Amino acid sequence: MPQFAFDHVHLRSPDPDVTGAWFVDHLGAVHVRRQEGPSSLRVVLDLGGLNLFVDRVPGDTPSPPKAPFMGIEHLALAVKGIDAVVEELRGKGVRIVVEPNNPNPTTRIAFIEGPENVRVELLERS
């Protein structure tokens, strides 16, 4: 059986610089590099150890449907102090899709909306 290892998540955006800056400013991603070719642009970020590629697409590219839908629905990020994190993001104008709640006694979650309707789950486990 072949061995598999995770490499990256790939997002598409009409403006990778703006989308990348959102992940840096709001979620603490680290800008790794910007690759530009004659007809391409990719911004590469490190989001908590996750390689996040943001590639440019034409502005008229269709947006994803509103969740829930089939396929990959969201990214999940582990945090500490989820309530304070949510309030900080709210103060920065981030749309809170699902307020912090406890789906079980040891887990607290919330969902926010990122650029291009990317849903991000914030998750705190005790």
C-alpha atoms as a PDB file:
ATOM      1  CA  MET A   1       0.000   0.000   0.000  1.00  0.00           C
ATOM      2  CA  PRO A   2       1.437   3.430  -0.894  1.00  0.00           C
ATOM      3  CA  GLN A   3       2.060   5.897   1.927  1.00  0.00           C
ATOM      4  CA  PHE A   4       0.324   9.262   1.727  1.00  0.00           C
ATOM      5  CA  ALA A   5       1.209  12.521   3.459  1.00  0.00           C
ATOM      6  CA  PHE A   6      -0.757  15.742   3.479  1.00  0.00           C
ATOM      7  CA  ASP A   7       0.727  18.516   1.317  1.00  0.00           C
ATOM      8  CA  HIS A   8      -1.622  21.501   0.881  1.00  0.00           C
ATOM      9  CA  VAL A   9      -5.073  23.035   0.536  1.00  0.00           C
ATOM     10  CA  HIS A  10      -5.679  25.011  -2.628  1.00  0.00           C
ATOM     11  CA  LEU A  11      -7.972  28.047  -2.760  1.00  0.00           C
ATOM     12  CA  ARG A  12      -8.940  30.101  -5.787  1.00  0.00           C
ATOM     13  CA  SER A  13      -9.474  33.867  -5.692  1.00  0.00           C
ATOM     14  CA  PRO A  14      -9.815  36.777  -8.098  1.00  0.00           C
ATOM     15  CA  ASP A  15      -7.198  38.558  -5.924  1.00  0.00           C
ATOM     16  CA  PRO A  16      -4.775  36.168  -4.154  1.00  0.00           C
ATOM     17  CA  ASP A  17      -2.892  39.057  -2.522  1.00  0.00           C
ATOM     18  CA  VAL A  18      -6.052  40.325  -0.793  1.00  0.00           C
ATOM     19  CA  THR A  19      -7.201  36.817   0.147  1.00  0.00           C
ATOM     20  CA  GLY A  20      -3.752  35.928   1.460  1.00  0.00           C
ATOM     21  CA  ALA A  21      -3.584  39.147   3.476  1.00  0.00           C
ATOM     22  CA  TRP A  22      -6.941  38.273   5.103  1.00  0.00           C
ATOM     23  CA  PHE A  23      -5.559  34.938   6.329  1.00  0.00           C
ATOM     24  CA  VAL A  24      -2.397  36.696   7.597  1.00  0.00           C
ATOM     25  CA  ASP A  25      -4.253  39.568   9.306  1.00  0.00           C
ATOM     26  CA  HIS A  26      -7.136  37.578  10.789  1.00  0.00           C
ATOM     27  CA  LEU A  27      -5.848  34.039  11.362  1.00  0.00           C
ATOM     28  CA  GLY A  28      -2.103  34.544  11.862  1.00  0.00           C
ATOM     29  CA  ALA A  29      -0.995  32.808   8.657  1.00  0.00           C
ATOM     30  CA  VAL A  30       2.595  33.442   7.596  1.00  0.00           C
ATOM     31  CA  HIS A  31       3.298  34.647   4.058  1.00  0.00           C
ATOM     32  CA  VAL A  32       5.777  32.165   2.528  1.00  0.00           C
ATOM     33  CA  ARG A  33       6.091  33.371  -1.063  1.00  0.00           C
ATOM     34  CA  ARG A  34       4.391  34.955  -4.037  1.00  0.00           C
ATOM     35  CA  GLN A  35       4.845  33.314  -7.428  1.00  0.00           C
ATOM     36  CA  GLU A  36       3.839  35.264 -10.510  1.00  0.00           C
ATOM     37  CA  GLY A  37       4.017  34.056 -14.098  1.00  0.00           C
ATOM     38  CA  PRO A  38       2.890  35.603 -17.359  1.00  0.00           C
ATOM     39  CA  SER A  39      -0.705  34.480 -16.758  1.00  0.00           C
ATOM     40  CA  SER A  40      -0.677  33.175 -13.182  1.00  0.00           C
ATOM     41  CA  LEU A  41      -0.373  34.332  -9.600  1.00  0.00           C
ATOM     42  CA  ARG A  42      -0.049  32.151  -6.507  1.00  0.00           C
ATOM     43  CA  VAL A  43       0.322  33.276  -2.905  1.00  0.00           C
ATOM     44  CA  VAL A  44       1.638  30.579  -0.572  1.00  0.00           C
ATOM     45  CA  LEU A  45       0.878  30.765   3.151  1.00  0.00           C
ATOM     46  CA  ASP A  46       1.627  28.694   6.230  1.00  0.00           C
ATOM     47  CA  LEU A  47      -1.602  28.496   8.236  1.00  0.00           C
ATOM     48  CA  GLY A  48      -0.751  26.743  11.482  1.00  0.00           C
ATOM     49  CA  GLY A  49       1.446  24.221   9.668  1.00  0.00           C
ATOM     50  CA  LEU A  50      -0.969  23.863   6.722  1.00  0.00           C
ATOM     51  CA  ASN A  51       0.362  24.844   3.307  1.00  0.00           C
ATOM     52  CA  LEU A  52      -2.325  27.109   1.837  1.00  0.00           C
ATOM     53  CA  PHE A  53      -2.049  27.961  -1.855  1.00  0.00           C
ATOM     54  CA  VAL A  54      -4.173  30.829  -3.180  1.00  0.00           C
ATOM     55  CA  ASP A  55      -4.292  31.017  -6.982  1.00  0.00           C
ATOM     56  CA  ARG A  56      -5.775  33.749  -9.149  1.00  0.00           C
ATOM     57  CA  VAL A  57      -8.866  33.020 -11.222  1.00  0.00           C
ATOM     58  CA  PRO A  58     -10.891  35.326 -13.484  1.00  0.00           C
ATOM     59  CA  GLY A  59     -13.317  37.564 -11.600  1.00  0.00           C
ATOM     60  CA  ASP A  60     -16.309  35.914 -13.266  1.00  0.00           C
ATOM     61  CA  THR A  61     -15.452  32.455 -11.885  1.00  0.00           C
ATOM     62  CA  PRO A  62     -18.510  31.070 -10.030  1.00  0.00           C
ATOM     63  CA  SER A  63     -18.473  31.219  -6.228  1.00  0.00           C
ATOM     64  CA  PRO A  64     -19.031  28.075  -4.146  1.00  0.00           C
ATOM     65  CA  PRO A  65     -22.578  27.422  -2.955  1.00  0.00           C
ATOM     66  CA  LYS A  66     -23.645  28.277   0.579  1.00  0.00           C
ATOM     67  CA  ALA A  67     -22.858  25.478   3.053  1.00  0.00           C
ATOM     68  CA  PRO A  68     -23.780  22.745   3.584  1.00  0.00           C
ATOM     69  CA  PHE A  69     -22.895  21.106   0.291  1.00  0.00           C
ATOM     70  CA  MET A  70     -21.147  17.955  -0.909  1.00  0.00           C
ATOM     71  CA  GLY A  71     -17.367  17.840  -0.985  1.00  0.00           C
ATOM     72  CA  ILE A  72     -14.935  19.759   1.201  1.00  0.00           C
ATOM     73  CA  GLU A  73     -17.025  22.166   3.230  1.00  0.00           C
ATOM     74  CA  HIS A  74     -14.622  23.946   5.594  1.00  0.00           C
ATOM     75  CA  LEU A  75     -11.174  24.269   7.132  1.00  0.00           C
ATOM     76  CA  ALA A  76     -10.840  23.664  10.883  1.00  0.00           C
ATOM     77  CA  LEU A  77      -8.325  25.429  13.107  1.00  0.00           C
ATOM     78  CA  ALA A  78      -7.567  24.521  16.715  1.00  0.00           C
ATOM     79  CA  VAL A  79      -7.574  27.510  19.082  1.00  0.00           C
ATOM     80  CA  LYS A  80      -7.311  28.261  22.787  1.00  0.00           C
ATOM     81  CA  GLY A  81      -9.804  30.689  24.339  1.00  0.00           C
ATOM     82  CA  ILE A  82     -12.336  30.398  21.540  1.00  0.00           C
ATOM     83  CA  ASP A  83     -14.749  32.978  22.983  1.00  0.00           C
ATOM     84  CA  ALA A  84     -12.058  35.672  23.117  1.00  0.00           C
ATOM     85  CA  VAL A  85     -10.835  34.683  19.634  1.00  0.00           C
ATOM     86  CA  VAL A  86     -14.355  35.035  18.219  1.00  0.00           C
ATOM     87  CA  GLU A  87     -14.803  38.458  19.852  1.00  0.00           C
ATOM     88  CA  GLU A  88     -11.447  39.643  18.480  1.00  0.00           C
ATOM     89  CA  LEU A  89     -12.404  38.501  14.973  1.00  0.00           C
ATOM     90  CA  ARG A  90     -15.858  40.086  15.300  1.00  0.00           C
ATOM     91  CA  GLY A  91     -14.129  43.343  16.245  1.00  0.00           C
ATOM     92  CA  LYS A  92     -12.133  43.102  13.003  1.00  0.00           C
ATOM     93  CA  GLY A  93     -15.355  42.798  11.006  1.00  0.00           C
ATOM     94  CA  VAL A  94     -15.186  39.040  10.408  1.00  0.00           C
ATOM     95  CA  ARG A  95     -18.612  37.490   9.816  1.00  0.00           C
ATOM     96  CA  ILE A  96     -19.437  34.910  12.511  1.00  0.00           C
ATOM     97  CA  VAL A  97     -21.508  32.193  10.797  1.00  0.00           C
ATOM     98  CA  VAL A  98     -22.085  30.024  13.877  1.00  0.00           C
ATOM     99  CA  GLU A  99     -21.604  31.443  17.372  1.00  0.00           C
ATOM    100  CA  PRO A 100     -19.462  29.492  19.862  1.00  0.00           C
ATOM    101  CA  ASN A 101     -21.284  26.416  21.142  1.00  0.00           C
ATOM    102  CA  ASN A 102     -20.605  23.022  22.673  1.00  0.00           C
ATOM    103  CA  PRO A 103     -21.579  20.089  20.437  1.00  0.00           C
ATOM    104  CA  ASN A 104     -20.325  17.826  23.252  1.00  0.00           C
ATOM    105  CA  PRO A 105     -18.909  18.328  26.775  1.00  0.00           C
ATOM    106  CA  THR A 106     -15.245  18.446  25.665  1.00  0.00           C
ATOM    107  CA  THR A 107     -15.511  20.457  22.451  1.00  0.00           C
ATOM    108  CA  ARG A 108     -16.388  24.094  21.755  1.00  0.00           C
ATOM    109  CA  ILE A 109     -16.732  25.274  18.147  1.00  0.00           C
ATOM    110  CA  ALA A 110     -17.625  28.335  16.082  1.00  0.00           C
ATOM    111  CA  PHE A 111     -17.626  29.054  12.345  1.00  0.00           C
ATOM    112  CA  ILE A 112     -16.452  32.193  10.567  1.00  0.00           C
ATOM    113  CA  GLU A 113     -16.575  33.231   6.925  1.00  0.00           C
ATOM    114  CA  GLY A 114     -13.383  34.024   5.073  1.00  0.00           C
ATOM    115  CA  PRO A 115     -12.791  35.450   1.606  1.00  0.00           C
ATOM    116  CA  GLU A 116     -14.689  33.809  -1.272  1.00  0.00           C
ATOM    117  CA  ASN A 117     -17.127  32.307   1.262  1.00  0.00           C
ATOM    118  CA  VAL A 118     -14.514  29.916   2.687  1.00  0.00           C
ATOM    119  CA  ARG A 119     -15.919  28.616   5.969  1.00  0.00           C
ATOM    120  CA  VAL A 120     -13.441  28.219   8.809  1.00  0.00           C
ATOM    121  CA  GLU A 121     -14.277  26.251  11.932  1.00  0.00           C
ATOM    122  CA  LEU A 122     -12.616  27.342  15.143  1.00  0.00           C
ATOM    123  CA  LEU A 123     -12.294  24.395  17.500  1.00  0.00           C
ATOM    124  CA  GLU A 124     -11.277  24.188  21.158  1.00  0.00           C
ATOM    125  CA  ARG A 125     -10.967  20.809  22.839  1.00  0.00           C
ATOM    126  CA  SER A 126     -10.606  20.372  26.586  1.00  0.00           C
END
